[in-house]
Amino acid sequence: MRVDTTGKISLDHIYTRPDPRAYFSTLRDLHYNIPELAKPHFLRLIAEYREARGIPVPTVLDIGCSYGINAALVKHGATMDELYDRYGGRDAHRHTRATLLTRDRELVHSREHAFGDHAGRVRFLGLDASDNALSYALDAGFLDGAVHADLENGEPTGEQRAQLAGTDLAISTGCLGYVTERTISRIIDAHEGPLPWMAHFILRMFPFDPIADTLTAAGYETVRHDGLFRQRRFATPEEQALVLERLADVGVDPSGLETGGWFYAQLYISRPAGRRP
């Protein structure tokens, strides 16, 4: 398998297919589960934001949303096991994109009002560079809106800035590190009013300092959650060896964690200064 500049195997091909089957069939074998672990933290932050700001239906920006996985879990009550069975199960190959979408819309409709205040009263806006992934998530009904952009390499258009300006919270489950402070800065700059609260799960191999500095300069206070979160297993011994080298380079001790065969992430929650952590 090809590795990228960070030492991780390249999984670019699974984010650009017309439907999520390659995504789930590949990641299932690697026990990828970070969206499931992130879900209760996102739900809690959304509830806290709703209460603090008095906004009954906040809009969440999911950075690097791919096929709308976080939206499916947080807004529509799905689980990762359910999605793995849906797109990577025995009968997945029998479906077309159209029949998969029909099933997804039925799921969205059946759970539209099934999960109470926490999950039901929220909008999801997806940000991703993959047009295919965004299109699928929109057509399935997982996302309420989408921004197809690469904010690492360019400013948002006027329309995209307006979309970003309407978001109340920004979340991510693994893309930060590849996505840098440039994207975070452009999201912040789009807001002329109150700044969005943020919650980001970042692999330990990626230093958070450049993003933290950008957030601090914009008026945020950031708190790191005490726990660690398994993202997925290493795909190959080569991948593990390269990541262990990178961890050593950034001064992170992998003993008992990445040495055991898993990527680990940390959760950072950022609020505009003056809000309780």
Protein backbone atom coordinates (compact mmCIF):
# COMPACT_ATOMS: atom_id res chain seq x y z
CA MET A 1 0.00 0.00 0.00
CA ARG A 2 1.18 3.53 -0.77
CA VAL A 3 1.90 5.76 2.23
CA ASP A 4 1.53 9.52 2.28
CA THR A 5 3.94 12.11 3.62
CA THR A 6 2.73 11.56 7.20
CA GLY A 7 3.49 7.83 7.17
CA LYS A 8 -0.15 6.77 6.97
CA ILE A 9 -1.32 4.58 4.13
CA SER A 10 -3.09 6.57 1.45
CA LEU A 11 -6.85 6.01 1.49
CA ASP A 12 -7.66 8.81 -0.96
CA HIS A 13 -9.45 6.39 -3.27
CA ILE A 14 -12.21 5.60 -0.78
CA TYR A 15 -13.32 9.23 -0.43
CA THR A 16 -14.02 9.89 -4.09
CA ARG A 17 -16.32 7.03 -5.14
CA PRO A 18 -19.94 7.70 -6.12
CA ASP A 19 -21.17 5.86 -2.98
CA PRO A 20 -19.71 4.84 0.41
CA ARG A 21 -19.20 1.10 -0.19
CA ALA A 22 -15.43 1.30 -0.71
CA TYR A 23 -15.18 3.61 2.32
CA PHE A 24 -16.93 1.21 4.68
CA SER A 25 -15.57 -2.05 3.28
CA THR A 26 -12.01 -0.72 3.65
CA LEU A 27 -12.36 0.91 7.05
CA ARG A 28 -14.32 -1.96 8.56
CA ASP A 29 -11.24 -4.19 8.25
CA LEU A 30 -9.25 -1.53 10.11
CA HIS A 31 -11.84 -1.25 12.92
CA TYR A 32 -12.32 2.46 12.27
CA ASN A 33 -14.69 3.70 14.98
CA ILE A 34 -13.79 7.29 15.92
CA PRO A 35 -17.18 8.75 14.80
CA GLU A 36 -18.93 6.42 17.26
CA LEU A 37 -16.64 7.49 20.09
CA ALA A 38 -17.05 11.15 19.14
CA LYS A 39 -20.85 11.04 18.98
CA PRO A 40 -21.65 11.55 22.70
CA HIS A 41 -19.17 14.42 22.92
CA PHE A 42 -20.73 16.15 19.92
CA LEU A 43 -24.23 15.63 21.28
CA ARG A 44 -23.25 17.11 24.62
CA LEU A 45 -21.58 20.14 23.04
CA ILE A 46 -24.59 20.78 20.78
CA ALA A 47 -26.90 20.64 23.80
CA GLU A 48 -24.64 23.02 25.76
CA TYR A 49 -24.50 25.42 22.83
CA ARG A 50 -28.28 25.34 22.41
CA GLU A 51 -28.78 26.19 26.07
CA ALA A 52 -26.03 28.84 26.25
CA ARG A 53 -26.93 30.69 23.06
CA GLY A 54 -30.69 30.11 23.01
CA ILE A 55 -30.56 28.81 19.44
CA PRO A 56 -33.05 25.94 19.14
CA VAL A 57 -31.71 24.54 15.84
CA PRO A 58 -27.95 25.13 15.65
CA THR A 59 -26.00 24.44 12.46
CA VAL A 60 -22.96 22.17 12.70
CA LEU A 61 -20.14 22.41 10.18
CA ASP A 62 -18.49 18.99 9.74
CA ILE A 63 -14.99 19.59 8.37
CA GLY A 64 -13.89 16.73 6.14
CA CYS A 65 -17.35 15.19 6.33
CA SER A 66 -16.85 12.67 3.48
CA TYR A 67 -20.15 10.79 3.07
CA GLY A 68 -21.89 12.51 5.99
CA ILE A 69 -20.96 9.91 8.61
CA ASN A 70 -21.06 12.23 11.62
CA ALA A 71 -24.41 13.61 10.49
CA ALA A 72 -25.80 10.10 10.10
CA LEU A 73 -24.73 9.26 13.65
CA VAL A 74 -25.44 12.53 15.45
CA LYS A 75 -28.56 13.74 13.67
CA HIS A 76 -30.13 10.51 12.49
CA GLY A 77 -29.17 8.14 15.30
CA ALA A 78 -27.23 5.63 13.22
CA THR A 79 -24.31 3.60 14.57
CA MET A 80 -21.06 2.68 12.86
CA ASP A 81 -21.98 -1.02 13.03
CA GLU A 82 -25.25 -0.24 11.30
CA LEU A 83 -23.49 1.71 8.55
CA TYR A 84 -20.86 -1.01 8.12
CA ASP A 85 -23.63 -3.55 7.59
CA ARG A 86 -25.51 -1.19 5.28
CA TYR A 87 -22.61 -0.47 2.93
CA GLY A 88 -20.22 -3.34 3.56
CA GLY A 89 -22.54 -6.23 4.30
CA ARG A 90 -23.10 -9.35 2.24
CA ASP A 91 -25.70 -7.82 -0.03
CA ALA A 92 -23.97 -4.46 -0.58
CA HIS A 93 -22.62 -5.48 -3.98
CA ARG A 94 -26.16 -6.12 -5.24
CA HIS A 95 -27.14 -2.49 -4.85
CA THR A 96 -26.73 0.44 -7.18
CA ARG A 97 -26.10 3.99 -6.03
CA ALA A 98 -29.80 4.68 -6.60
CA THR A 99 -31.01 1.78 -4.45
CA LEU A 100 -28.56 2.65 -1.70
CA LEU A 101 -29.89 6.21 -1.70
CA THR A 102 -33.48 4.98 -1.56
CA ARG A 103 -32.64 2.95 1.54
CA ASP A 104 -30.83 5.90 3.11
CA ARG A 105 -33.74 8.27 2.54
CA GLU A 106 -36.04 5.73 4.19
CA LEU A 107 -33.69 5.63 7.19
CA VAL A 108 -33.60 9.42 7.42
CA HIS A 109 -37.39 9.65 7.15
CA SER A 110 -38.00 6.92 9.73
CA ARG A 111 -35.77 8.62 12.27
CA GLU A 112 -36.67 12.20 11.54
CA HIS A 113 -38.29 12.71 14.93
CA ALA A 114 -37.15 9.57 16.70
CA PHE A 115 -34.22 10.79 18.78
CA GLY A 116 -35.53 13.66 20.84
CA ASP A 117 -34.05 17.06 21.47
CA HIS A 118 -30.40 16.07 21.30
CA ALA A 119 -30.34 14.66 17.78
CA GLY A 120 -33.43 16.03 16.09
CA ARG A 121 -32.90 19.76 16.47
CA VAL A 122 -29.72 20.33 14.52
CA ARG A 123 -28.66 21.06 10.94
CA PHE A 124 -25.50 19.65 9.36
CA LEU A 125 -23.40 21.45 6.78
CA GLY A 126 -20.62 19.36 5.27
CA LEU A 127 -17.27 20.73 4.11
CA ASP A 128 -15.17 18.49 1.89
CA ALA A 129 -12.99 18.53 -1.22
CA SER A 130 -14.67 15.38 -2.57
CA ASP A 131 -17.63 16.30 -4.74
CA ASN A 132 -18.77 12.67 -4.99
CA ALA A 133 -18.85 12.19 -1.23
CA LEU A 134 -20.71 15.45 -0.65
CA SER A 135 -23.20 14.71 -3.42
CA TYR A 136 -23.98 11.32 -1.92
CA ALA A 137 -24.44 12.71 1.59
CA LEU A 138 -26.79 15.40 0.27
CA ASP A 139 -28.80 13.01 -1.89
CA ALA A 140 -29.13 10.58 1.01
CA GLY A 141 -30.48 13.35 3.25
CA PHE A 142 -27.71 13.05 5.82
CA LEU A 143 -26.53 16.61 5.20
CA ASP A 144 -28.71 19.73 5.06
CA GLY A 145 -26.15 21.60 2.98
CA ALA A 146 -22.64 21.29 1.61
CA VAL A 147 -19.56 23.35 0.84
CA HIS A 148 -17.42 21.77 -1.87
CA ALA A 149 -14.11 23.52 -1.30
CA ASP A 150 -10.44 23.06 -0.50
CA LEU A 151 -9.84 25.82 2.02
CA GLU A 152 -6.23 24.76 2.42
CA ASN A 153 -5.46 26.12 -1.01
CA GLY A 154 -7.97 28.88 -1.62
CA GLU A 155 -10.42 31.34 -0.16
CA PRO A 156 -14.11 30.45 -0.08
CA THR A 157 -16.36 32.05 -2.66
CA GLY A 158 -18.89 34.65 -1.58
CA GLU A 159 -21.62 32.02 -1.47
CA GLN A 160 -19.43 29.66 0.52
CA ARG A 161 -18.50 32.40 2.98
CA ALA A 162 -22.20 33.03 3.57
CA GLN A 163 -22.73 29.32 4.24
CA LEU A 164 -19.81 29.17 6.66
CA ALA A 165 -20.97 32.35 8.38
CA GLY A 166 -24.25 30.64 9.22
CA THR A 167 -22.66 27.86 11.25
CA ASP A 168 -22.79 27.66 15.02
CA LEU A 169 -20.39 24.81 15.72
CA ALA A 170 -17.50 23.21 13.81
CA ILE A 171 -16.43 19.60 14.32
CA SER A 172 -14.01 17.09 12.85
CA THR A 173 -13.03 13.46 13.42
CA GLY A 174 -9.57 13.01 12.02
CA CYS A 175 -9.04 15.37 9.12
CA LEU A 176 -7.19 18.06 11.12
CA GLY A 177 -3.52 17.48 10.68
CA TYR A 178 -4.01 17.11 6.95
CA VAL A 179 -6.29 20.11 7.18
CA THR A 180 -4.34 22.86 8.93
CA GLU A 181 -4.81 26.20 10.60
CA ARG A 182 -5.35 27.72 7.12
CA THR A 183 -8.78 26.08 6.86
CA ILE A 184 -9.65 26.93 10.47
CA SER A 185 -8.65 30.56 9.91
CA ARG A 186 -10.82 30.84 6.80
CA ILE A 187 -13.80 29.38 8.63
CA ILE A 188 -13.32 31.87 11.46
CA ASP A 189 -12.85 34.79 9.06
CA ALA A 190 -16.20 34.02 7.41
CA HIS A 191 -17.98 34.88 10.67
CA GLU A 192 -18.83 38.52 11.23
CA GLY A 193 -21.00 37.73 14.24
CA PRO A 194 -20.54 35.22 17.10
CA LEU A 195 -17.79 32.68 16.50
CA PRO A 196 -18.63 28.98 16.29
CA TRP A 197 -17.79 26.58 19.08
CA MET A 198 -15.44 23.81 17.96
CA ALA A 199 -14.65 20.19 18.80
CA HIS A 200 -11.85 18.42 16.97
CA PHE A 201 -10.49 14.88 17.29
CA ILE A 202 -6.83 15.02 16.18
CA LEU A 203 -4.38 12.15 15.86
CA ARG A 204 -1.50 12.37 18.35
CA MET A 205 1.00 12.35 15.47
CA PHE A 206 -0.15 15.85 14.50
CA PRO A 207 0.89 18.76 16.75
CA PHE A 208 -2.12 20.89 17.67
CA ASP A 209 -0.07 24.00 18.47
CA PRO A 210 -0.42 25.79 15.09
CA ILE A 211 -4.20 25.40 15.20
CA ALA A 212 -4.31 26.34 18.89
CA ASP A 213 -2.34 29.50 18.16
CA THR A 214 -4.77 30.46 15.40
CA LEU A 215 -7.73 29.87 17.69
CA THR A 216 -6.15 31.83 20.55
CA ALA A 217 -5.42 34.76 18.25
CA ALA A 218 -9.08 34.74 17.20
CA GLY A 219 -10.24 34.91 20.82
CA TYR A 220 -10.80 31.25 21.68
CA GLU A 221 -10.06 29.26 24.79
CA THR A 222 -9.20 25.61 24.13
CA VAL A 223 -9.41 22.69 26.54
CA ARG A 224 -8.00 19.23 25.82
CA HIS A 225 -10.12 16.32 26.95
CA ASP A 226 -8.33 14.03 29.41
CA GLY A 227 -9.09 10.81 27.54
CA LEU A 228 -7.65 9.26 24.39
CA PHE A 229 -9.68 7.78 21.57
CA ARG A 230 -8.83 4.86 19.29
CA GLN A 231 -9.22 5.85 15.67
CA ARG A 232 -8.36 2.66 13.77
CA ARG A 233 -5.81 -0.13 13.61
CA PHE A 234 -2.62 0.25 11.64
CA ALA A 235 -3.03 -1.28 8.20
CA THR A 236 0.52 -2.62 7.89
CA PRO A 237 3.67 -2.97 10.00
CA GLU A 238 5.25 -0.37 7.71
CA GLU A 239 2.53 2.14 8.52
CA GLN A 240 2.98 1.54 12.24
CA ALA A 241 6.76 1.93 12.02
CA LEU A 242 6.51 5.19 10.09
CA VAL A 243 3.92 6.61 12.48
CA LEU A 244 6.02 5.63 15.50
CA GLU A 245 8.92 7.52 13.93
CA ARG A 246 6.72 10.55 13.43
CA LEU A 247 5.51 10.41 17.04
CA ALA A 248 9.12 10.33 18.20
CA ASP A 249 9.89 13.35 16.02
CA VAL A 250 7.11 15.38 17.63
CA GLY A 251 7.98 14.23 21.15
CA VAL A 252 4.99 11.99 21.83
CA ASP A 253 5.51 8.74 23.77
CA PRO A 254 3.62 5.89 22.03
CA SER A 255 4.25 3.30 24.77
CA GLY A 256 1.18 1.18 25.44
CA LEU A 257 -0.82 3.09 22.86
CA GLU A 258 0.35 3.28 19.24
CA THR A 259 2.85 0.50 20.04
CA GLY A 260 -0.21 -1.69 20.59
CA GLY A 261 -1.30 -1.31 16.97
CA TRP A 262 -3.80 1.55 17.00
CA PHE A 263 -3.92 5.19 16.02
CA TYR A 264 -5.00 7.36 18.94
CA ALA A 265 -6.67 10.76 18.84
CA GLN A 266 -7.16 13.56 21.35
CA LEU A 267 -10.22 15.77 21.67
CA TYR A 268 -9.84 19.56 21.77
CA ILE A 269 -12.86 21.73 22.56
CA SER A 270 -12.63 25.43 21.78
CA ARG A 271 -15.04 28.18 22.74
CA PRO A 272 -14.82 31.96 22.35
CA ALA A 273 -13.19 33.38 25.47
CA GLY A 274 -15.57 34.01 28.34
CA ARG A 275 -17.54 30.79 27.86
CA ARG A 276 -17.08 28.06 30.44
CA PRO A 277 -14.75 25.20 29.30
